[in-house]
Amino acid sequence: MTVAVKRGWKLHQLDVNNAFLHGDLHKEIYMKLPLGVHSSIPNAVCKLTKSLYGLKQAFRQWYAKLNEFLFKRGYAHSENYYYLFC
């Protein structure tokens, strides 16, 4: 925030309740059926097409999607802070 104040930039905050559900998966990932879901197929699993909260890849996939979105709109990473977009 200090950088934005010193340079007179407008600040915007993004708070997404389900951000991790928006990351696309580029590998095949399967999970056991959640408790309460039953299948007539023995040892059935679910193939994930989107990341889930708690999935190891979830943050990386969501951040990749955010990067792509911001870069398309002309933003770039700060040279000093990778998480800061200018």
N, C-alpha and C. Protein backbone atom coordinates (compact mmCIF):
# COMPACT_ATOMS: atom_id res chain seq x y z
N MET A 1 0.83 -1.19 0.00
CA MET A 1 0.00 0.00 0.00
C MET A 1 0.87 1.24 0.00
N THR A 2 2.01 1.14 0.62
CA THR A 2 2.90 2.29 0.66
C THR A 2 3.30 2.75 -0.74
N VAL A 3 3.61 1.80 -1.61
CA VAL A 3 3.99 2.13 -2.99
C VAL A 3 2.84 2.86 -3.68
N ALA A 4 1.62 2.37 -3.53
CA ALA A 4 0.45 2.99 -4.17
C ALA A 4 0.23 4.40 -3.65
N VAL A 5 0.35 4.59 -2.35
CA VAL A 5 0.13 5.92 -1.76
C VAL A 5 1.20 6.89 -2.24
N LYS A 6 2.46 6.47 -2.23
CA LYS A 6 3.56 7.34 -2.65
C LYS A 6 3.44 7.76 -4.11
N ARG A 7 2.90 6.85 -4.94
CA ARG A 7 2.78 7.14 -6.37
C ARG A 7 1.40 7.68 -6.76
N GLY A 8 0.50 7.78 -5.80
CA GLY A 8 -0.83 8.31 -6.10
C GLY A 8 -1.72 7.35 -6.88
N TRP A 9 -1.47 6.06 -6.75
CA TRP A 9 -2.26 5.07 -7.47
C TRP A 9 -3.56 4.79 -6.74
N LYS A 10 -4.57 4.38 -7.49
CA LYS A 10 -5.81 3.90 -6.89
C LYS A 10 -5.57 2.48 -6.41
N LEU A 11 -6.15 2.12 -5.28
CA LEU A 11 -6.02 0.77 -4.74
C LEU A 11 -7.33 0.02 -4.94
N HIS A 12 -7.21 -1.24 -5.32
CA HIS A 12 -8.36 -2.11 -5.47
C HIS A 12 -8.07 -3.40 -4.73
N GLN A 13 -9.03 -3.89 -4.01
CA GLN A 13 -8.88 -5.15 -3.29
C GLN A 13 -9.80 -6.18 -3.91
N LEU A 14 -9.32 -7.39 -3.98
CA LEU A 14 -10.10 -8.48 -4.54
C LEU A 14 -10.26 -9.53 -3.45
N ASP A 15 -11.49 -9.82 -3.11
CA ASP A 15 -11.77 -10.85 -2.11
C ASP A 15 -12.76 -11.83 -2.74
N VAL A 16 -12.26 -12.99 -3.10
CA VAL A 16 -13.10 -13.98 -3.77
C VAL A 16 -13.30 -15.15 -2.82
N ASN A 17 -14.54 -15.42 -2.47
CA ASN A 17 -14.84 -16.49 -1.52
C ASN A 17 -14.49 -17.87 -2.05
N ASN A 18 -14.64 -18.07 -3.33
CA ASN A 18 -14.40 -19.41 -3.89
C ASN A 18 -13.38 -19.35 -5.02
N ALA A 19 -12.33 -18.59 -4.83
CA ALA A 19 -11.32 -18.38 -5.87
C ALA A 19 -10.72 -19.68 -6.38
N PHE A 20 -10.48 -20.64 -5.49
CA PHE A 20 -9.80 -21.86 -5.89
C PHE A 20 -10.66 -22.72 -6.81
N LEU A 21 -11.93 -22.45 -6.90
CA LEU A 21 -12.80 -23.23 -7.78
C LEU A 21 -12.70 -22.77 -9.23
N HIS A 22 -11.94 -21.71 -9.48
CA HIS A 22 -11.85 -21.16 -10.83
C HIS A 22 -10.57 -21.57 -11.56
N GLY A 23 -9.69 -22.29 -10.91
CA GLY A 23 -8.45 -22.72 -11.56
C GLY A 23 -8.69 -23.93 -12.44
N ASP A 24 -8.15 -23.88 -13.65
CA ASP A 24 -8.27 -25.00 -14.58
C ASP A 24 -7.15 -26.00 -14.31
N LEU A 25 -7.46 -27.27 -14.41
CA LEU A 25 -6.46 -28.32 -14.23
C LEU A 25 -5.95 -28.75 -15.59
N HIS A 26 -4.64 -28.93 -15.70
CA HIS A 26 -4.04 -29.32 -16.97
C HIS A 26 -3.53 -30.76 -16.94
N LYS A 27 -3.73 -31.42 -15.82
CA LYS A 27 -3.37 -32.83 -15.69
C LYS A 27 -4.62 -33.59 -15.24
N GLU A 28 -4.63 -34.88 -15.48
CA GLU A 28 -5.75 -35.69 -15.01
C GLU A 28 -5.59 -35.94 -13.52
N ILE A 29 -6.59 -35.54 -12.75
CA ILE A 29 -6.56 -35.74 -11.30
C ILE A 29 -7.88 -36.39 -10.91
N TYR A 30 -7.77 -37.44 -10.11
CA TYR A 30 -8.94 -38.18 -9.66
C TYR A 30 -9.00 -38.13 -8.14
N MET A 31 -10.21 -38.23 -7.60
CA MET A 31 -10.38 -38.27 -6.15
C MET A 31 -11.41 -39.32 -5.79
N LYS A 32 -11.33 -39.80 -4.56
CA LYS A 32 -12.34 -40.74 -4.07
C LYS A 32 -13.67 -40.01 -3.99
N LEU A 33 -14.75 -40.76 -4.06
CA LEU A 33 -16.07 -40.15 -3.93
C LEU A 33 -16.22 -39.54 -2.53
N PRO A 34 -16.80 -38.35 -2.45
CA PRO A 34 -17.00 -37.74 -1.13
C PRO A 34 -17.96 -38.56 -0.27
N LEU A 35 -17.82 -38.42 1.04
CA LEU A 35 -18.73 -39.11 1.95
C LEU A 35 -20.17 -38.74 1.63
N GLY A 36 -21.03 -39.72 1.62
CA GLY A 36 -22.44 -39.48 1.33
C GLY A 36 -22.80 -39.69 -0.13
N VAL A 37 -21.80 -39.78 -1.01
CA VAL A 37 -22.06 -40.03 -2.43
C VAL A 37 -21.82 -41.51 -2.67
N HIS A 38 -22.81 -42.17 -3.23
CA HIS A 38 -22.72 -43.61 -3.45
C HIS A 38 -22.81 -43.91 -4.94
N SER A 39 -22.15 -44.97 -5.34
CA SER A 39 -22.16 -45.38 -6.74
C SER A 39 -22.35 -46.89 -6.82
N SER A 40 -22.98 -47.32 -7.88
CA SER A 40 -23.15 -48.76 -8.08
C SER A 40 -21.86 -49.38 -8.64
N ILE A 41 -20.93 -48.53 -9.04
CA ILE A 41 -19.65 -49.01 -9.57
C ILE A 41 -18.67 -49.16 -8.40
N PRO A 42 -18.11 -50.33 -8.21
CA PRO A 42 -17.17 -50.52 -7.10
C PRO A 42 -15.90 -49.68 -7.31
N ASN A 43 -15.40 -49.10 -6.24
CA ASN A 43 -14.17 -48.28 -6.27
C ASN A 43 -14.26 -47.12 -7.27
N ALA A 44 -15.43 -46.55 -7.43
CA ALA A 44 -15.61 -45.43 -8.35
C ALA A 44 -14.85 -44.21 -7.83
N VAL A 45 -14.37 -43.39 -8.77
CA VAL A 45 -13.67 -42.15 -8.45
C VAL A 45 -14.24 -41.02 -9.28
N CYS A 46 -13.91 -39.79 -8.92
CA CYS A 46 -14.33 -38.61 -9.68
C CYS A 46 -13.12 -38.04 -10.41
N LYS A 47 -13.29 -37.69 -11.68
CA LYS A 47 -12.24 -36.99 -12.42
C LYS A 47 -12.51 -35.50 -12.26
N LEU A 48 -11.52 -34.76 -11.77
CA LEU A 48 -11.70 -33.33 -11.56
C LEU A 48 -11.40 -32.56 -12.83
N THR A 49 -12.24 -31.59 -13.14
CA THR A 49 -11.99 -30.70 -14.27
C THR A 49 -11.62 -29.29 -13.80
N LYS A 50 -11.92 -28.99 -12.56
CA LYS A 50 -11.56 -27.71 -11.94
C LYS A 50 -10.89 -28.02 -10.61
N SER A 51 -10.08 -27.10 -10.14
CA SER A 51 -9.40 -27.34 -8.87
C SER A 51 -10.37 -27.19 -7.71
N LEU A 52 -10.04 -27.83 -6.62
CA LEU A 52 -10.82 -27.78 -5.40
C LEU A 52 -9.99 -27.18 -4.29
N TYR A 53 -10.64 -26.56 -3.32
CA TYR A 53 -9.94 -26.06 -2.15
C TYR A 53 -9.28 -27.24 -1.45
N GLY A 54 -8.02 -27.10 -1.10
CA GLY A 54 -7.30 -28.17 -0.44
C GLY A 54 -6.45 -29.00 -1.40
N LEU A 55 -6.70 -28.87 -2.69
CA LEU A 55 -5.90 -29.58 -3.69
C LEU A 55 -4.53 -28.90 -3.77
N LYS A 56 -3.47 -29.67 -3.84
CA LYS A 56 -2.12 -29.10 -3.86
C LYS A 56 -1.94 -28.08 -4.99
N GLN A 57 -2.51 -28.34 -6.13
CA GLN A 57 -2.35 -27.49 -7.29
C GLN A 57 -3.30 -26.29 -7.30
N ALA A 58 -4.24 -26.22 -6.37
CA ALA A 58 -5.31 -25.23 -6.43
C ALA A 58 -4.80 -23.80 -6.47
N PHE A 59 -3.92 -23.44 -5.57
CA PHE A 59 -3.45 -22.06 -5.54
C PHE A 59 -2.67 -21.72 -6.80
N ARG A 60 -1.80 -22.62 -7.23
CA ARG A 60 -0.99 -22.37 -8.42
C ARG A 60 -1.88 -22.18 -9.65
N GLN A 61 -2.91 -23.02 -9.78
CA GLN A 61 -3.79 -22.92 -10.94
C GLN A 61 -4.61 -21.63 -10.91
N TRP A 62 -5.09 -21.26 -9.75
CA TRP A 62 -5.87 -20.03 -9.64
C TRP A 62 -4.99 -18.82 -9.93
N TYR A 63 -3.77 -18.81 -9.40
CA TYR A 63 -2.86 -17.69 -9.62
C TYR A 63 -2.48 -17.59 -11.10
N ALA A 64 -2.31 -18.71 -11.79
CA ALA A 64 -2.02 -18.71 -13.22
C ALA A 64 -3.17 -18.07 -13.99
N LYS A 65 -4.40 -18.38 -13.59
CA LYS A 65 -5.56 -17.80 -14.26
C LYS A 65 -5.66 -16.30 -13.99
N LEU A 66 -5.37 -15.88 -12.76
CA LEU A 66 -5.37 -14.46 -12.42
C LEU A 66 -4.29 -13.72 -13.22
N ASN A 67 -3.09 -14.30 -13.30
CA ASN A 67 -2.00 -13.70 -14.09
C ASN A 67 -2.44 -13.48 -15.53
N GLU A 68 -2.99 -14.50 -16.12
CA GLU A 68 -3.42 -14.42 -17.53
C GLU A 68 -4.43 -13.29 -17.71
N PHE A 69 -5.39 -13.21 -16.81
CA PHE A 69 -6.42 -12.18 -16.87
C PHE A 69 -5.81 -10.78 -16.77
N LEU A 70 -4.93 -10.58 -15.79
CA LEU A 70 -4.34 -9.25 -15.58
C LEU A 70 -3.38 -8.87 -16.71
N PHE A 71 -2.59 -9.82 -17.21
CA PHE A 71 -1.67 -9.52 -18.31
C PHE A 71 -2.43 -9.10 -19.57
N LYS A 72 -3.55 -9.76 -19.84
CA LYS A 72 -4.36 -9.40 -21.01
C LYS A 72 -4.91 -7.98 -20.92
N ARG A 73 -5.04 -7.47 -19.71
CA ARG A 73 -5.55 -6.13 -19.49
C ARG A 73 -4.45 -5.10 -19.30
N GLY A 74 -3.21 -5.49 -19.60
CA GLY A 74 -2.11 -4.55 -19.60
C GLY A 74 -1.35 -4.41 -18.30
N TYR A 75 -1.66 -5.20 -17.31
CA TYR A 75 -0.93 -5.13 -16.04
C TYR A 75 0.36 -5.94 -16.16
N ALA A 76 1.33 -5.59 -15.33
CA ALA A 76 2.59 -6.33 -15.28
C ALA A 76 3.00 -6.49 -13.82
N HIS A 77 3.87 -7.46 -13.56
CA HIS A 77 4.39 -7.66 -12.21
C HIS A 77 5.31 -6.51 -11.86
N SER A 78 5.30 -6.13 -10.62
CA SER A 78 6.29 -5.20 -10.09
C SER A 78 7.65 -5.87 -10.17
N GLU A 79 8.70 -5.09 -10.39
CA GLU A 79 10.03 -5.66 -10.44
C GLU A 79 10.48 -6.16 -9.06
N ASN A 80 9.97 -5.55 -8.01
CA ASN A 80 10.40 -5.91 -6.66
C ASN A 80 9.47 -6.88 -5.94
N TYR A 81 8.18 -6.84 -6.27
CA TYR A 81 7.20 -7.68 -5.59
C TYR A 81 6.39 -8.43 -6.62
N TYR A 82 6.61 -9.73 -6.71
CA TYR A 82 5.98 -10.54 -7.73
C TYR A 82 4.46 -10.55 -7.61
N TYR A 83 3.93 -10.40 -6.41
CA TYR A 83 2.50 -10.44 -6.19
C TYR A 83 1.82 -9.10 -6.42
N LEU A 84 2.59 -8.06 -6.73
CA LEU A 84 2.05 -6.72 -6.98
C LEU A 84 1.95 -6.49 -8.47
N PHE A 85 0.78 -6.12 -8.95
CA PHE A 85 0.58 -5.84 -10.36
C PHE A 85 0.40 -4.34 -10.56
N CYS A 86 1.08 -3.80 -11.57
CA CYS A 86 1.03 -2.35 -11.85
C CYS A 86 0.45 -2.10 -13.22
